[in-house]
C-alpha atoms as a PDB file:
ATOM      1  CA  MET A   1     -59.860 -86.385 -15.902  1.00  0.00           C
ATOM      2  CA  GLU A   2     -63.298 -87.337 -14.907  1.00  0.00           C
ATOM      3  CA  LEU A   3     -65.053 -89.968 -16.122  1.00  0.00           C
ATOM      4  CA  ASP A   4     -68.886 -91.297 -14.963  1.00  0.00           C
ATOM      5  CA  GLY A   5     -67.994 -89.101 -11.909  1.00  0.00           C
ATOM      6  CA  GLU A   6     -64.650 -91.109 -11.101  1.00  0.00           C
ATOM      7  CA  LEU A   7     -61.912 -88.395 -10.782  1.00  0.00           C
ATOM      8  CA  LEU A   8     -58.972 -90.159 -12.727  1.00  0.00           C
ATOM      9  CA  ARG A   9     -54.842 -89.662 -12.753  1.00  0.00           C
ATOM     10  CA  ALA A  10     -53.700 -89.010 -16.143  1.00  0.00           C
ATOM     11  CA  ALA A  11     -49.947 -88.151 -17.186  1.00  0.00           C
ATOM     12  CA  VAL A  12     -49.901 -85.987 -20.413  1.00  0.00           C
ATOM     13  CA  CYS A  13     -46.681 -86.915 -22.358  1.00  0.00           C
ATOM     14  CA  THR A  14     -44.378 -84.540 -24.103  1.00  0.00           C
ATOM     15  CA  THR A  15     -40.829 -84.901 -25.118  1.00  0.00           C
ATOM     16  CA  TRP A  16     -38.476 -87.813 -23.809  1.00  0.00           C
ATOM     17  CA  MET A  17     -35.076 -88.882 -24.716  1.00  0.00           C
ATOM     18  CA  VAL A  18     -31.938 -91.104 -24.670  1.00  0.00           C
ATOM     19  CA  ASP A  19     -29.140 -91.000 -24.511  1.00  0.00           C
ATOM     20  CA  ASP A  20     -26.116 -92.350 -27.062  1.00  0.00           C
ATOM     21  CA  HIS A  21     -29.511 -94.551 -28.725  1.00  0.00           C
ATOM     22  CA  GLU A  22     -26.684 -95.632 -30.340  1.00  0.00           C
ATOM     23  CA  ALA A  23     -25.664 -98.226 -27.889  1.00  0.00           C
ATOM     24  CA  ASP A  24     -28.520 -98.583 -25.919  1.00  0.00           C
ATOM     25  CA  PRO A  25     -31.736 -99.321 -29.480  1.00  0.00           C
ATOM     26  CA  PHE A  26     -34.173-100.228 -26.203  1.00  0.00           C
ATOM     27  CA  ALA A  27     -33.026 -97.703 -23.866  1.00  0.00           C
ATOM     28  CA  GLY A  28     -36.389 -95.136 -25.229  1.00  0.00           C
ATOM     29  CA  VAL A  29     -39.176 -98.638 -25.022  1.00  0.00           C
ATOM     30  CA  ARG A  30     -38.004 -99.384 -21.370  1.00  0.00           C
ATOM     31  CA  LEU A  31     -37.619 -95.160 -20.634  1.00  0.00           C
ATOM     32  CA  LEU A  32     -41.846 -94.954 -22.575  1.00  0.00           C
ATOM     33  CA  LYS A  33     -42.764 -98.392 -20.542  1.00  0.00           C
ATOM     34  CA  ALA A  34     -41.663 -97.155 -17.349  1.00  0.00           C
ATOM     35  CA  VAL A  35     -43.239 -93.749 -17.973  1.00  0.00           C
ATOM     36  CA  LEU A  36     -47.382 -95.933 -18.581  1.00  0.00           C
ATOM     37  CA  SER A  37     -46.183 -97.882 -16.135  1.00  0.00           C
ATOM     38  CA  GLY A  38     -46.613 -95.286 -13.358  1.00  0.00           C
ATOM     39  CA  PRO A  39     -49.077 -95.093 -11.304  1.00  0.00           C
ATOM     40  CA  GLN A  40     -51.540 -93.208 -13.650  1.00  0.00           C
ATOM     41  CA  ASP A  41     -54.517 -93.913 -14.923  1.00  0.00           C
ATOM     42  CA  LEU A  42     -54.384 -93.147 -18.266  1.00  0.00           C
ATOM     43  CA  SER A  43     -50.881 -91.468 -20.742  1.00  0.00           C
ATOM     44  CA  PHE A  44     -51.703 -90.593 -24.150  1.00  0.00           C
ATOM     45  CA  SER A  45     -50.192 -87.616 -26.226  1.00  0.00           C
ATOM     46  CA  GLU A  46     -51.332 -85.690 -29.358  1.00  0.00           C
ATOM     47  CA  THR A  47     -48.003 -85.184 -30.797  1.00  0.00           C
ATOM     48  CA  SER A  48     -46.153 -88.487 -30.973  1.00  0.00           C
ATOM     49  CA  ASN A  49     -44.492 -88.747 -34.167  1.00  0.00           C
ATOM     50  CA  ASP A  50     -43.894 -92.442 -36.112  1.00  0.00           C
ATOM     51  CA  LEU A  51     -41.447 -93.856 -33.864  1.00  0.00           C
ATOM     52  CA  SER A  52     -42.980 -93.171 -30.986  1.00  0.00           C
ATOM     53  CA  THR A  53     -46.094 -93.909 -32.717  1.00  0.00           C
ATOM     54  CA  ALA A  54     -45.015 -97.692 -33.157  1.00  0.00           C
ATOM     55  CA  MET A  55     -43.116 -97.792 -29.829  1.00  0.00           C
ATOM     56  CA  TRP A  56     -45.916 -97.325 -27.453  1.00  0.00           C
ATOM     57  CA  ARG A  57     -48.050-100.196 -30.073  1.00  0.00           C
ATOM     58  CA  ARG A  58     -45.245-102.605 -29.387  1.00  0.00           C
ATOM     59  CA  ILE A  59     -46.644-101.489 -25.591  1.00  0.00           C
ATOM     60  CA  GLY A  60     -50.614-101.826 -26.432  1.00  0.00           C
ATOM     61  CA  ALA A  61     -50.908 -98.353 -26.711  1.00  0.00           C
ATOM     62  CA  HIS A  62     -54.137 -97.620 -29.253  1.00  0.00           C
ATOM     63  CA  VAL A  63     -53.320 -94.999 -31.923  1.00  0.00           C
ATOM     64  CA  LEU A  64     -56.691 -92.147 -31.966  1.00  0.00           C
ATOM     65  CA  ALA A  65     -57.251 -91.855 -35.602  1.00  0.00           C
ATOM     66  CA  PRO A  66     -60.153 -89.609 -35.227  1.00  0.00           C
ATOM     67  CA  TYR A  67     -57.855 -87.237 -33.180  1.00  0.00           C
ATOM     68  CA  SER A  68     -55.227 -87.214 -34.852  1.00  0.00           C
ATOM     69  CA  LEU A  69     -55.605 -85.143 -37.776  1.00  0.00           C
ATOM     70  CA  GLU A  70     -55.018 -82.202 -38.709  1.00  0.00           C
ATOM     71  CA  TYR A  71     -57.528 -80.116 -39.993  1.00  0.00           C
ATOM     72  CA  LEU A  72     -57.561 -76.736 -42.453  1.00  0.00           C
ATOM     73  CA  ARG A  73     -59.970 -74.899 -44.374  1.00  0.00           C
ATOM     74  CA  VAL A  74     -58.456 -72.082 -46.606  1.00  0.00           C
ATOM     75  CA  ILE A  75     -60.486 -68.734 -46.659  1.00  0.00           C
ATOM     76  CA  ARG A  76     -58.439 -66.820 -49.295  1.00  0.00           C
ATOM     77  CA  PRO A  77     -56.759 -69.469 -51.462  1.00  0.00           C
ATOM     78  CA  ALA A  78     -54.216 -66.924 -52.763  1.00  0.00           C
ATOM     79  CA  ALA A  79     -52.746 -65.322 -50.020  1.00  0.00           C
ATOM     80  CA  PHE A  80     -53.240 -68.824 -48.307  1.00  0.00           C
ATOM     81  CA  VAL A  81     -50.804 -69.895 -51.487  1.00  0.00           C
ATOM     82  CA  THR A  82     -48.267 -66.554 -51.223  1.00  0.00           C
ATOM     83  CA  ARG A  83     -47.961 -66.893 -47.282  1.00  0.00           C
ATOM     84  CA  MET A  84     -46.874 -70.873 -47.417  1.00  0.00           C
ATOM     85  CA  ALA A  85     -44.299 -69.205 -50.392  1.00  0.00           C
ATOM     86  CA  ALA A  86     -43.371 -67.238 -48.674  1.00  0.00           C
ATOM     87  CA  ASN A  87     -42.213 -69.415 -45.564  1.00  0.00           C
ATOM     88  CA  ARG A  88     -39.867 -71.134 -47.771  1.00  0.00           C
ATOM     89  CA  PHE A  89     -38.786 -67.786 -49.580  1.00  0.00           C
ATOM     90  CA  ARG A  90     -39.126 -64.428 -47.544  1.00  0.00           C
ATOM     91  CA  LEU A  91     -38.978 -61.706 -51.068  1.00  0.00           C
ATOM     92  CA  LEU A  92     -42.445 -63.565 -52.180  1.00  0.00           C
ATOM     93  CA  GLY A  93     -44.060 -61.816 -49.493  1.00  0.00           C
ATOM     94  CA  ALA A  94     -44.073 -59.253 -51.327  1.00  0.00           C
ATOM     95  CA  PHE A  95     -46.831 -61.083 -53.613  1.00  0.00           C
ATOM     96  CA  ALA A  96     -49.528 -59.819 -50.566  1.00  0.00           C
ATOM     97  CA  PRO A  97     -51.575 -57.072 -51.804  1.00  0.00           C
ATOM     98  CA  LEU A  98     -51.739 -59.063 -55.334  1.00  0.00           C
ATOM     99  CA  ALA A  99     -53.003 -61.936 -53.281  1.00  0.00           C
ATOM    100  CA  ARG A 100     -55.936 -59.621 -51.873  1.00  0.00           C
ATOM    101  CA  LEU A 101     -56.668 -58.192 -55.543  1.00  0.00           C
ATOM    102  CA  ALA A 102     -57.253 -61.631 -56.157  1.00  0.00           C
ATOM    103  CA  ASP A 103     -58.808 -62.672 -53.511  1.00  0.00           C
ATOM    104  CA  HIS A 104     -61.441 -60.270 -53.217  1.00  0.00           C
ATOM    105  CA  VAL A 105     -62.741 -60.917 -56.796  1.00  0.00           C
ATOM    106  CA  ALA A 106     -62.767 -64.487 -56.475  1.00  0.00           C
ATOM    107  CA  GLY A 107     -64.337 -64.345 -53.402  1.00  0.00           C
ATOM    108  CA  ALA A 108     -67.683 -63.334 -54.999  1.00  0.00           C
ATOM    109  CA  GLY A 109     -68.455 -66.177 -55.862  1.00  0.00           C
ATOM    110  CA  ALA A 110     -67.645 -67.701 -53.221  1.00  0.00           C
ATOM    111  CA  ASN A 111     -69.144 -69.458 -50.951  1.00  0.00           C
ATOM    112  CA  ARG A 112     -70.024 -71.663 -47.643  1.00  0.00           C
ATOM    113  CA  LEU A 113     -69.507 -74.389 -49.635  1.00  0.00           C
ATOM    114  CA  SER A 114     -66.711 -73.593 -52.148  1.00  0.00           C
ATOM    115  CA  TRP A 115     -63.384 -75.028 -52.678  1.00  0.00           C
ATOM    116  CA  ALA A 116     -62.391 -71.993 -54.595  1.00  0.00           C
ATOM    117  CA  GLY A 117     -61.607 -70.099 -50.770  1.00  0.00           C
ATOM    118  CA  TYR A 118     -64.787 -68.875 -47.932  1.00  0.00           C
ATOM    119  CA  ARG A 119     -67.236 -66.335 -48.365  1.00  0.00           C
ATOM    120  CA  PRO A 120     -70.332 -66.339 -44.770  1.00  0.00           C
ATOM    121  CA  ARG A 121     -73.905 -66.049 -46.277  1.00  0.00           C
ATOM    122  CA  PRO A 122     -76.788 -65.908 -44.285  1.00  0.00           C
ATOM    123  CA  GLY A 123     -78.345 -69.046 -42.432  1.00  0.00           C
ATOM    124  CA  LYS A 124     -79.182 -70.966 -39.080  1.00  0.00           C
ATOM    125  CA  ALA A 125     -75.792 -69.514 -38.002  1.00  0.00           C
ATOM    126  CA  ASP A 126     -77.003 -66.261 -37.624  1.00  0.00           C
ATOM    127  CA  ALA A 127     -78.917 -66.513 -34.691  1.00  0.00           C
ATOM    128  CA  LEU A 128     -76.209 -67.632 -32.517  1.00  0.00           C
ATOM    129  CA  THR A 129     -74.948 -64.184 -30.642  1.00  0.00           C
ATOM    130  CA  VAL A 130     -71.399 -63.689 -30.331  1.00  0.00           C
ATOM    131  CA  SER A 131     -69.558 -62.465 -27.432  1.00  0.00           C
ATOM    132  CA  GLU A 132     -66.100 -61.555 -26.879  1.00  0.00           C
ATOM    133  CA  PRO A 133     -65.592 -62.642 -22.937  1.00  0.00           C
ATOM    134  CA  ASP A 134     -63.056 -61.880 -20.374  1.00  0.00           C
ATOM    135  CA  GLU A 135     -61.128 -65.298 -18.437  1.00  0.00           C
ATOM    136  CA  ASN A 136     -63.255 -65.545 -16.020  1.00  0.00           C
ATOM    137  CA  SER A 137     -65.957 -66.268 -19.234  1.00  0.00           C
ATOM    138  CA  LEU A 138     -64.066 -68.219 -21.047  1.00  0.00           C
ATOM    139  CA  VAL A 139     -63.223 -70.332 -18.501  1.00  0.00           C
ATOM    140  CA  GLY A 140     -66.761 -70.927 -16.996  1.00  0.00           C
ATOM    141  CA  ALA A 141     -67.987 -71.372 -20.197  1.00  0.00           C
ATOM    142  CA  LEU A 142     -64.861 -74.129 -21.819  1.00  0.00           C
ATOM    143  CA  ARG A 143     -66.314 -76.322 -17.901  1.00  0.00           C
ATOM    144  CA  GLU A 144     -69.765 -76.010 -18.797  1.00  0.00           C
ATOM    145  CA  LEU A 145     -69.067 -77.553 -22.587  1.00  0.00           C
ATOM    146  CA  VAL A 146     -66.674 -79.293 -21.540  1.00  0.00           C
ATOM    147  CA  VAL A 147     -67.985 -82.606 -19.316  1.00  0.00           C
ATOM    148  CA  HIS A 148     -70.710 -83.114 -22.830  1.00  0.00           C
ATOM    149  CA  HIS A 149     -67.477 -85.594 -23.449  1.00  0.00           C
ATOM    150  CA  PRO A 150     -67.958 -88.746 -21.158  1.00  0.00           C
ATOM    151  CA  LEU A 151     -63.767 -88.883 -20.239  1.00  0.00           C
ATOM    152  CA  HIS A 152     -63.038 -85.605 -20.186  1.00  0.00           C
ATOM    153  CA  PRO A 153     -60.456 -83.290 -18.125  1.00  0.00           C
ATOM    154  CA  CYS A 154     -61.858 -82.024 -14.362  1.00  0.00           C
ATOM    155  CA  TRP A 155     -60.439 -78.011 -14.076  1.00  0.00           C
ATOM    156  CA  SER A 156     -60.210 -76.311 -11.810  1.00  0.00           C
ATOM    157  CA  ASP A 157     -61.463 -72.499 -12.371  1.00  0.00           C
ATOM    158  CA  ASP A 158     -57.615 -70.900 -10.815  1.00  0.00           C
ATOM    159  CA  ARG A 159     -56.375 -73.765 -12.649  1.00  0.00           C
ATOM    160  CA  LEU A 160     -57.569 -72.849 -16.554  1.00  0.00           C
ATOM    161  CA  SER A 161     -56.879 -69.821 -15.880  1.00  0.00           C
ATOM    162  CA  ARG A 162     -53.104 -70.067 -15.386  1.00  0.00           C
ATOM    163  CA  MET A 163     -53.094 -72.302 -18.494  1.00  0.00           C
ATOM    164  CA  LEU A 164     -54.708 -70.010 -20.500  1.00  0.00           C
ATOM    165  CA  ALA A 165     -53.267 -66.829 -19.177  1.00  0.00           C
ATOM    166  CA  HIS A 166     -49.461 -69.249 -20.244  1.00  0.00           C
ATOM    167  CA  ALA A 167     -51.451 -69.792 -23.527  1.00  0.00           C
ATOM    168  CA  ARG A 168     -52.495 -65.483 -23.696  1.00  0.00           C
ATOM    169  CA  PHE A 169     -49.569 -64.988 -26.672  1.00  0.00           C
ATOM    170  CA  LYS A 170     -48.173 -67.224 -29.352  1.00  0.00           C
ATOM    171  CA  ALA A 171     -46.310 -64.344 -31.217  1.00  0.00           C
ATOM    172  CA  LYS A 172     -45.466 -67.152 -33.972  1.00  0.00           C
ATOM    173  CA  HIS A 173     -48.818 -67.636 -34.076  1.00  0.00           C
ATOM    174  CA  GLY A 174     -51.124 -64.182 -34.406  1.00  0.00           C
ATOM    175  CA  THR A 175     -53.275 -62.115 -32.229  1.00  0.00           C
ATOM    176  CA  ARG A 176     -55.585 -64.670 -29.388  1.00  0.00           C
ATOM    177  CA  VAL A 177     -59.283 -64.561 -31.014  1.00  0.00           C
ATOM    178  CA  GLN A 178     -61.719 -65.927 -28.055  1.00  0.00           C
ATOM    179  CA  ARG A 179     -65.241 -65.982 -28.365  1.00  0.00           C
ATOM    180  CA  ILE A 180     -68.522 -67.530 -26.717  1.00  0.00           C
ATOM    181  CA  LEU A 181     -71.767 -68.255 -28.818  1.00  0.00           C
ATOM    182  CA  HIS A 182     -75.353 -68.505 -27.038  1.00  0.00           C
ATOM    183  CA  THR A 183     -78.784 -69.223 -27.980  1.00  0.00           C
ATOM    184  CA  ARG A 184     -81.259 -66.845 -28.555  1.00  0.00           C
ATOM    185  CA  GLY A 185     -82.654 -68.573 -25.690  1.00  0.00           C
ATOM    186  CA  GLY A 186     -79.434 -67.886 -23.464  1.00  0.00           C
ATOM    187  CA  LYS A 187     -77.932 -71.283 -24.377  1.00  0.00           C
ATOM    188  CA  ILE A 188     -74.028 -71.354 -24.915  1.00  0.00           C
ATOM    189  CA  ALA A 189     -73.513 -73.013 -27.970  1.00  0.00           C
ATOM    190  CA  GLY A 190     -69.862 -73.202 -28.232  1.00  0.00           C
ATOM    191  CA  LEU A 191     -66.789 -71.172 -28.644  1.00  0.00           C
ATOM    192  CA  PHE A 192     -63.278 -70.728 -29.929  1.00  0.00           C
ATOM    193  CA  VAL A 193     -60.241 -69.394 -29.061  1.00  0.00           C
ATOM    194  CA  TYR A 194     -57.136 -68.988 -31.885  1.00  0.00           C
ATOM    195  CA  TYR A 195     -54.740 -67.556 -32.941  1.00  0.00           C
ATOM    196  CA  GLY A 196     -54.670 -65.903 -35.907  1.00  0.00           C
ATOM    197  CA  ASP A 197     -53.852 -62.127 -37.587  1.00  0.00           C
ATOM    198  CA  SER A 198     -54.408 -60.442 -40.961  1.00  0.00           C
ATOM    199  CA  GLY A 199     -53.001 -62.974 -44.038  1.00  0.00           C
ATOM    200  CA  GLY A 200     -52.343 -65.366 -42.478  1.00  0.00           C
ATOM    201  CA  ILE A 201     -52.903 -68.674 -41.529  1.00  0.00           C
ATOM    202  CA  GLY A 202     -54.540 -68.534 -37.743  1.00  0.00           C
ATOM    203  CA  ARG A 203     -53.949 -71.417 -35.883  1.00  0.00           C
ATOM    204  CA  VAL A 204     -56.919 -73.108 -33.775  1.00  0.00           C
ATOM    205  CA  MET A 205     -56.827 -73.784 -29.743  1.00  0.00           C
ATOM    206  CA  GLN A 206     -59.770 -74.928 -29.572  1.00  0.00           C
ATOM    207  CA  VAL A 207     -63.057 -75.373 -30.211  1.00  0.00           C
ATOM    208  CA  ILE A 208     -66.085 -76.856 -28.873  1.00  0.00           C
ATOM    209  CA  ALA A 209     -69.782 -77.163 -29.089  1.00  0.00           C
ATOM    210  CA  ALA A 210     -72.929 -78.171 -27.223  1.00  0.00           C
ATOM    211  CA  PRO A 211     -74.399 -81.796 -29.124  1.00  0.00           C
ATOM    212  CA  GLY A 212     -75.876 -80.329 -32.125  1.00  0.00           C
ATOM    213  CA  MET A 213     -74.725 -77.108 -32.866  1.00  0.00           C
ATOM    214  CA  GLU A 214     -71.007 -78.471 -33.807  1.00  0.00           C
ATOM    215  CA  ALA A 215     -72.170 -77.152 -37.193  1.00  0.00           C
ATOM    216  CA  LEU A 216     -73.336 -74.073 -36.132  1.00  0.00           C
ATOM    217  CA  VAL A 217     -70.178 -72.876 -33.770  1.00  0.00           C
ATOM    218  CA  LEU A 218     -67.888 -74.051 -37.009  1.00  0.00           C
ATOM    219  CA  GLU A 219     -69.962 -71.397 -39.360  1.00  0.00           C
ATOM    220  CA  ARG A 220     -69.196 -68.792 -36.807  1.00  0.00           C
ATOM    221  CA  LEU A 221     -65.425 -69.728 -36.738  1.00  0.00           C
ATOM    222  CA  LEU A 222     -65.122 -69.012 -40.272  1.00  0.00           C
ATOM    223  CA  ALA A 223     -67.017 -65.982 -40.061  1.00  0.00           C
ATOM    224  CA  ASN A 224     -64.978 -64.805 -38.062  1.00  0.00           C
ATOM    225  CA  ALA A 225     -61.544 -65.842 -39.713  1.00  0.00           C
ATOM    226  CA  HIS A 226     -63.247 -64.280 -42.029  1.00  0.00           C
ATOM    227  CA  ALA A 227     -63.242 -60.962 -40.451  1.00  0.00           C
ATOM    228  CA  HIS A 228     -60.174 -60.747 -39.401  1.00  0.00           C
ATOM    229  CA  GLY A 229     -58.888 -61.326 -42.714  1.00  0.00           C
ATOM    230  CA  VAL A 230     -57.352 -65.159 -42.430  1.00  0.00           C
ATOM    231  CA  ALA A 231     -55.979 -66.395 -45.672  1.00  0.00           C
ATOM    232  CA  ALA A 232     -56.583 -69.780 -44.071  1.00  0.00           C
ATOM    233  CA  ILE A 233     -57.378 -71.565 -40.441  1.00  0.00           C
ATOM    234  CA  ARG A 234     -56.292 -75.551 -39.130  1.00  0.00           C
ATOM    235  CA  GLY A 235     -56.054 -77.253 -36.099  1.00  0.00           C
ATOM    236  CA  ARG A 236     -56.499 -80.502 -34.998  1.00  0.00           C
ATOM    237  CA  THR A 237     -59.335 -82.866 -34.694  1.00  0.00           C
ATOM    238  CA  GLN A 238     -62.515 -84.015 -32.458  1.00  0.00           C
ATOM    239  CA  PRO A 239     -64.660 -86.880 -33.294  1.00  0.00           C
ATOM    240  CA  ALA A 240     -67.423 -84.599 -32.241  1.00  0.00           C
ATOM    241  CA  LEU A 241     -66.533 -82.241 -35.395  1.00  0.00           C
ATOM    242  CA  LEU A 242     -65.787 -84.903 -38.153  1.00  0.00           C
ATOM    243  CA  ASP A 243     -68.745 -84.384 -39.440  1.00  0.00           C
ATOM    244  CA  ALA A 244     -70.137 -80.811 -40.366  1.00  0.00           C
ATOM    245  CA  MET A 245     -66.059 -80.089 -41.127  1.00  0.00           C
ATOM    246  CA  LEU A 246     -66.825 -82.924 -43.695  1.00  0.00           C
ATOM    247  CA  ASP A 247     -69.670 -80.881 -44.619  1.00  0.00           C
ATOM    248  CA  ARG A 248     -67.598 -77.846 -45.498  1.00  0.00           C
ATOM    249  CA  LYS A 249     -64.913 -78.140 -47.737  1.00  0.00           C
ATOM    250  CA  PHE A 250     -62.237 -79.068 -44.519  1.00  0.00           C
ATOM    251  CA  VAL A 251     -58.563 -81.019 -45.257  1.00  0.00           C
ATOM    252  CA  PHE A 252     -56.865 -82.912 -43.269  1.00  0.00           C
ATOM    253  CA  LEU A 253     -53.156 -84.219 -43.550  1.00  0.00           C
ATOM    254  CA  HIS A 254     -51.214 -86.503 -40.485  1.00  0.00           C
ATOM    255  CA  ALA A 255     -48.955 -85.294 -38.976  1.00  0.00           C
ATOM    256  CA  SER A 256     -48.458 -86.088 -36.067  1.00  0.00           C
ATOM    257  CA  SER A 257     -50.310 -89.311 -33.851  1.00  0.00           C
ATOM    258  CA  THR A 258     -52.509 -89.156 -30.631  1.00  0.00           C
ATOM    259  CA  VAL A 259     -51.586 -91.756 -28.513  1.00  0.00           C
ATOM    260  CA  PHE A 260     -53.713 -93.649 -25.794  1.00  0.00           C
ATOM    261  CA  HIS A 261     -52.893 -95.361 -23.360  1.00  0.00           C
ATOM    262  CA  SER A 262     -54.687 -97.406 -19.801  1.00  0.00           C
ATOM    263  CA  SER A 263     -55.498-101.030 -18.793  1.00  0.00           C
ATOM    264  CA  ARG A 264     -58.592-100.188 -17.856  1.00  0.00           C
ATOM    265  CA  PRO A 265     -61.345-101.451 -20.438  1.00  0.00           C
ATOM    266  CA  GLU A 266     -63.475 -98.524 -19.785  1.00  0.00           C
ATOM    267  CA  LEU A 267     -61.078 -95.873 -20.099  1.00  0.00           C
ATOM    268  CA  ALA A 268     -59.108 -97.392 -23.608  1.00  0.00           C
ATOM    269  CA  ASP A 269     -62.816 -97.342 -24.188  1.00  0.00           C
ATOM    270  CA  ALA A 270     -64.511 -94.283 -23.894  1.00  0.00           C
ATOM    271  CA  ALA A 271     -61.296 -93.326 -26.071  1.00  0.00           C
ATOM    272  CA  THR A 272     -61.404 -95.611 -28.665  1.00  0.00           C
ATOM    273  CA  GLN A 273     -64.560 -95.198 -29.679  1.00  0.00           C
ATOM    274  CA  GLY A 274     -63.950 -90.992 -29.171  1.00  0.00           C
ATOM    275  CA  ARG A 275     -66.189 -90.424 -25.645  1.00  0.00           C
ATOM    276  CA  ALA A 276     -63.111 -88.244 -25.093  1.00  0.00           C
ATOM    277  CA  PHE A 277     -61.591 -84.977 -24.497  1.00  0.00           C
ATOM    278  CA  LEU A 278     -57.971 -84.496 -25.640  1.00  0.00           C
ATOM    279  CA  ASN A 279     -56.157 -82.575 -27.850  1.00  0.00           C
ATOM    280  CA  GLY A 280     -56.084 -78.284 -27.662  1.00  0.00           C
ATOM    281  CA  LEU A 281     -56.800 -77.762 -24.126  1.00  0.00           C
ATOM    282  CA  SER A 282     -56.636 -81.452 -22.922  1.00  0.00           C
ATOM    283  CA  GLY A 283     -53.451 -82.116 -23.774  1.00  0.00           C
ATOM    284  CA  GLU A 284     -50.027 -80.301 -24.851  1.00  0.00           C
ATOM    285  CA  SER A 285     -50.581 -77.352 -27.940  1.00  0.00           C
ATOM    286  CA  TRP A 286     -51.769 -74.452 -25.388  1.00  0.00           C
ATOM    287  CA  THR A 287     -48.372 -74.417 -24.222  1.00  0.00           C
ATOM    288  CA  ARG A 288     -46.676 -71.103 -24.914  1.00  0.00           C
ATOM    289  CA  LEU A 289     -43.721 -73.747 -26.127  1.00  0.00           C
ATOM    290  CA  ILE A 290     -45.880 -74.727 -28.830  1.00  0.00           C
ATOM    291  CA  GLY A 291     -45.877 -71.143 -31.317  1.00  0.00           C
ATOM    292  CA  ASP A 292     -44.694 -68.668 -29.093  1.00  0.00           C
ATOM    293  CA  ARG A 293     -40.839 -66.568 -29.235  1.00  0.00           C
ATOM    294  CA  PHE A 294     -39.134 -66.664 -26.537  1.00  0.00           C
ATOM    295  CA  ASP A 295     -35.289 -64.473 -27.850  1.00  0.00           C
END
């Protein structure tokens, strides 16, 4: 990673476990201490459960609340309820056609600020041009946008290309959709990458906007998800997007925490003040291990 031109070594902590916890209750704490005392400048995890988070806290790590929420924006309420119910009771999926009809009727009164779903309306976001990029264009846009966050990954083109190739398929989440947005002057306004199919719940891997463009980029994301027939979208929060999300009827839930540890105060300050680019491609949720099938 990088802060103010200084290259930093970061450790992304994912799954870790110990054997025979009952015989040695403190083995997990010792393991975490060993990890955090390594040669890296900073360590973080975006999927820390309650038990792990408590251990991180005891060792002096920071729990980053603005990064630790799952956001959800319902687009088609009936389809969303049907999909959630069908996840528990598969037979209820037979009501999907009826749900589509209900959403079509109810959607006539919905707008971008309605809890009763979402339907695009003409607005400032229409001034942005939308393109479906190839991998090279997406890599270039990501590298250009990420530097707006003072503490950010320092990707090479080759490394980021390998990551995106690894993240190409997430069968449990649906087809990958990626778009880059430009202003009329040709500047990059933002981009988004999500997975989703008609009637399903889209999973956003990454949405990133240039400063001042957050609201317009989110509008384009929602409009695109609506055009693809997605019932709702969900993803992981980043501080730069929170204000625009609150204005657009996103709801927030907590499932796991993003935790951050560094012995250097300037790095901890960047993270706790929301100036770090964490989660998504700067984390672990981009990997095939989360969302793909291996049978």
